[in-house]
């Protein structure tokens, strides 16, 4: 299975809402002692492997993520792809799962859809949305608030549990066990 976390490369974006996918991949790398593959530069991304699974952090910036996903998918002949991404349409801290569907204006998903089709599993991590529609770009490229940051560790850990469960179980079973419908900031 290829597990992709969407985000933007570089320290300036490291703690941005848009980089929640990278944060989950980083934790999965740590938990599973995944080994970095030496040939990862040819995939336009940082590529790691544990067991028979691959973890990918595209280094193309969000709007070209599909190029990196396609390169790894084709080279290793991987059928199952999971993309972990931020979702503006869900409140902060929610976690949902789905197969296929639209990109909802998310440039990383749009790029993936164009390169590998819409036929992949999605782990949707709700980041909430800004008050005004014109603030979307600055909102997703801003860091989580201090209050949100207090909950990131548990949320990322729960998401990692879900992804690890998904390796041996169906998307439906994973969804029924790990979905977070409503998260309360305290």
Protein backbone atom coordinates (compact mmCIF):
# COMPACT_ATOMS: atom_id res chain seq x y z
CA UNK A 1 0.00 0.00 0.00
CA UNK A 2 1.16 3.55 -0.72
CA UNK A 3 0.28 5.98 2.06
CA UNK A 4 0.66 9.61 1.05
CA UNK A 5 0.55 12.62 3.33
CA UNK A 6 -0.14 15.90 1.57
CA UNK A 7 1.76 19.04 2.52
CA UNK A 8 4.30 21.58 1.36
CA UNK A 9 8.06 21.08 1.77
CA UNK A 10 10.27 23.32 3.85
CA UNK A 11 10.44 24.67 7.39
CA UNK A 12 8.21 27.67 6.62
CA UNK A 13 5.24 25.31 6.11
CA UNK A 14 6.09 22.69 8.73
CA UNK A 15 3.32 23.51 11.23
CA UNK A 16 0.70 24.78 8.75
CA UNK A 17 -2.82 23.39 8.70
CA UNK A 18 -2.20 22.33 5.08
CA UNK A 19 0.64 20.07 6.31
CA UNK A 20 -1.36 17.80 8.59
CA UNK A 21 -0.78 14.95 6.11
CA UNK A 22 2.99 15.35 6.46
CA UNK A 23 2.63 15.36 10.25
CA UNK A 24 0.83 12.01 10.17
CA UNK A 25 3.44 10.51 7.82
CA UNK A 26 6.23 11.71 10.13
CA UNK A 27 4.58 9.91 13.04
CA UNK A 28 4.03 6.74 10.97
CA UNK A 29 7.73 6.81 9.97
CA UNK A 30 8.70 7.08 13.64
CA UNK A 31 6.25 4.41 14.90
CA UNK A 32 7.13 1.85 12.24
CA UNK A 33 10.86 2.62 12.05
CA UNK A 34 10.37 3.06 8.32
CA UNK A 35 13.53 3.14 6.24
CA UNK A 36 14.17 5.99 3.84
CA UNK A 37 14.70 4.71 0.31
CA UNK A 38 17.86 5.99 -1.33
CA UNK A 39 16.17 6.46 -4.70
CA UNK A 40 13.48 8.77 -3.34
CA UNK A 41 14.77 11.86 -5.18
CA UNK A 42 13.63 10.37 -8.50
CA UNK A 43 10.09 10.32 -7.11
CA UNK A 44 9.96 14.06 -6.35
CA UNK A 45 9.31 13.17 -2.75
CA UNK A 46 10.59 11.66 0.46
CA UNK A 47 9.84 7.95 0.28
CA UNK A 48 10.00 5.47 3.17
CA UNK A 49 9.18 1.79 3.49
CA UNK A 50 8.13 -0.55 6.29
CA UNK A 51 6.93 -4.13 5.75
CA UNK A 52 5.41 -4.03 2.26
CA UNK A 53 4.09 -0.48 2.66
CA UNK A 54 5.37 2.83 1.39
CA UNK A 55 5.07 6.26 3.04
CA UNK A 56 5.36 9.31 0.79
CA UNK A 57 5.73 13.02 1.43
CA UNK A 58 5.65 14.70 -2.02
CA UNK A 59 8.21 17.50 -2.27
CA UNK A 60 6.56 19.16 -5.28
CA UNK A 61 4.37 21.59 -3.32
CA UNK A 62 0.71 20.84 -2.92
CA UNK A 63 -0.56 21.66 -6.41
CA UNK A 64 1.78 19.12 -8.08
CA UNK A 65 1.52 16.28 -5.51
CA UNK A 66 0.04 13.93 -8.10
CA UNK A 67 3.34 13.83 -10.01
CA UNK A 68 5.13 12.31 -7.04
CA UNK A 69 2.27 9.90 -6.26
CA UNK A 70 2.13 8.70 -9.87
CA UNK A 71 5.90 8.16 -10.06
CA UNK A 72 5.94 5.94 -6.93
CA UNK A 73 2.72 4.13 -7.84
CA UNK A 74 3.98 3.24 -11.31
CA UNK A 75 7.55 2.34 -10.32
CA UNK A 76 6.48 -0.06 -7.56
CA UNK A 77 3.26 -1.16 -9.33
CA UNK A 78 1.14 -0.27 -6.30
CA UNK A 79 -2.61 -0.72 -6.56
CA UNK A 80 -3.85 0.60 -3.21
CA UNK A 81 -3.27 4.28 -2.45
CA UNK A 82 -4.30 6.18 0.67
CA UNK A 83 -4.05 9.98 0.75
CA UNK A 84 -4.08 11.80 4.09
CA UNK A 85 -5.11 15.44 3.76
CA UNK A 86 -6.54 18.50 5.45
CA UNK A 87 -10.21 19.23 4.83
CA UNK A 88 -11.73 22.71 5.15
CA UNK A 89 -15.27 21.33 5.03
CA UNK A 90 -14.85 19.48 8.33
CA UNK A 91 -14.48 21.09 11.77
CA UNK A 92 -11.08 20.97 13.45
CA UNK A 93 -10.23 17.56 14.91
CA UNK A 94 -12.74 15.51 12.93
CA UNK A 95 -11.58 12.44 11.06
CA UNK A 96 -13.44 10.89 8.16
CA UNK A 97 -12.70 8.26 5.54
CA UNK A 98 -13.92 7.84 1.99
CA UNK A 99 -13.11 6.26 -1.33
CA UNK A 100 -13.05 8.45 -4.41
CA UNK A 101 -15.09 11.61 -4.74
CA UNK A 102 -14.37 15.19 -5.71
CA UNK A 103 -11.42 17.34 -4.73
CA UNK A 104 -13.52 20.11 -3.15
CA UNK A 105 -11.05 22.76 -4.35
CA UNK A 106 -8.10 21.08 -2.62
CA UNK A 107 -5.16 21.50 -4.99
CA UNK A 108 -3.32 18.42 -3.72
CA UNK A 109 -6.35 16.19 -4.33
CA UNK A 110 -6.97 17.85 -7.67
CA UNK A 111 -3.42 17.00 -8.75
CA UNK A 112 -3.76 13.40 -7.49
CA UNK A 113 -7.09 13.00 -9.30
CA UNK A 114 -5.54 14.22 -12.56
CA UNK A 115 -2.56 11.86 -12.31
CA UNK A 116 -3.92 8.65 -10.78
CA UNK A 117 -7.74 9.08 -11.12
CA UNK A 118 -10.13 9.52 -8.20
CA UNK A 119 -9.98 5.84 -7.28
CA UNK A 120 -8.06 5.99 -4.00
CA UNK A 121 -8.81 6.03 -0.29
CA UNK A 122 -8.89 9.33 1.53
CA UNK A 123 -8.24 10.10 5.17
CA UNK A 124 -9.90 13.47 5.69
CA UNK A 125 -8.65 15.53 8.64
CA UNK A 126 -10.89 18.47 9.42
CA UNK A 127 -9.12 21.79 9.94
CA UNK A 128 -12.18 24.04 9.99
CA UNK A 129 -12.54 27.06 7.75
CA UNK A 130 -11.87 30.77 7.96
CA UNK A 131 -14.64 33.26 8.58
CA UNK A 132 -14.43 34.72 5.06
CA UNK A 133 -14.03 32.73 1.84
CA UNK A 134 -11.31 35.09 0.59
CA UNK A 135 -9.07 34.02 3.50
CA UNK A 136 -8.80 30.32 2.53
CA UNK A 137 -5.22 30.47 1.19
CA UNK A 138 -3.85 32.34 4.19
CA UNK A 139 -5.84 30.11 6.57
CA UNK A 140 -4.53 26.77 5.25
CA UNK A 141 -0.99 28.18 5.12
CA UNK A 142 -1.14 29.41 8.72
CA UNK A 143 -0.08 27.40 11.75
CA UNK A 144 -2.58 25.74 14.04
CA UNK A 145 -3.70 27.97 16.91
CA UNK A 146 -2.23 27.44 20.37
CA UNK A 147 -5.49 25.83 21.49
CA UNK A 148 -5.58 23.50 18.47
CA UNK A 149 -1.90 22.62 18.93
CA UNK A 150 -2.67 21.19 22.38
CA UNK A 151 -4.76 18.49 20.69
CA UNK A 152 -2.60 17.74 17.64
CA UNK A 153 -0.59 14.93 19.26
CA UNK A 154 -3.64 12.87 20.20
CA UNK A 155 -5.39 13.55 16.88
CA UNK A 156 -2.31 12.57 14.85
CA UNK A 157 -1.82 9.46 17.00
CA UNK A 158 -5.47 8.43 16.51
CA UNK A 159 -5.11 8.95 12.76
CA UNK A 160 -1.96 6.79 12.72
CA UNK A 161 -3.86 4.07 14.60
CA UNK A 162 -6.54 4.25 11.90
CA UNK A 163 -4.05 4.05 9.02
CA UNK A 164 -2.26 1.10 10.63
CA UNK A 165 -5.63 -0.63 11.12
CA UNK A 166 -6.48 0.06 7.47
CA UNK A 167 -3.41 -1.92 6.36
CA UNK A 168 -5.23 -5.16 7.29
CA UNK A 169 -8.89 -4.14 7.30
CA UNK A 170 -11.47 -2.62 4.99
CA UNK A 171 -12.06 1.11 4.64
CA UNK A 172 -15.60 0.58 5.97
CA UNK A 173 -14.36 -1.20 9.11
CA UNK A 174 -11.68 1.45 9.62
CA UNK A 175 -14.23 4.21 9.22
CA UNK A 176 -16.67 2.68 11.72
CA UNK A 177 -13.92 2.20 14.30
CA UNK A 178 -11.92 5.45 13.94
CA UNK A 179 -14.21 8.21 12.60
CA UNK A 180 -14.30 11.30 14.80
CA UNK A 181 -17.53 13.13 13.96
CA UNK A 182 -17.30 15.96 16.41
CA UNK A 183 -14.30 17.19 18.33
CA UNK A 184 -14.62 19.60 21.23
CA UNK A 185 -11.80 22.06 21.91
CA UNK A 186 -11.61 22.48 25.67
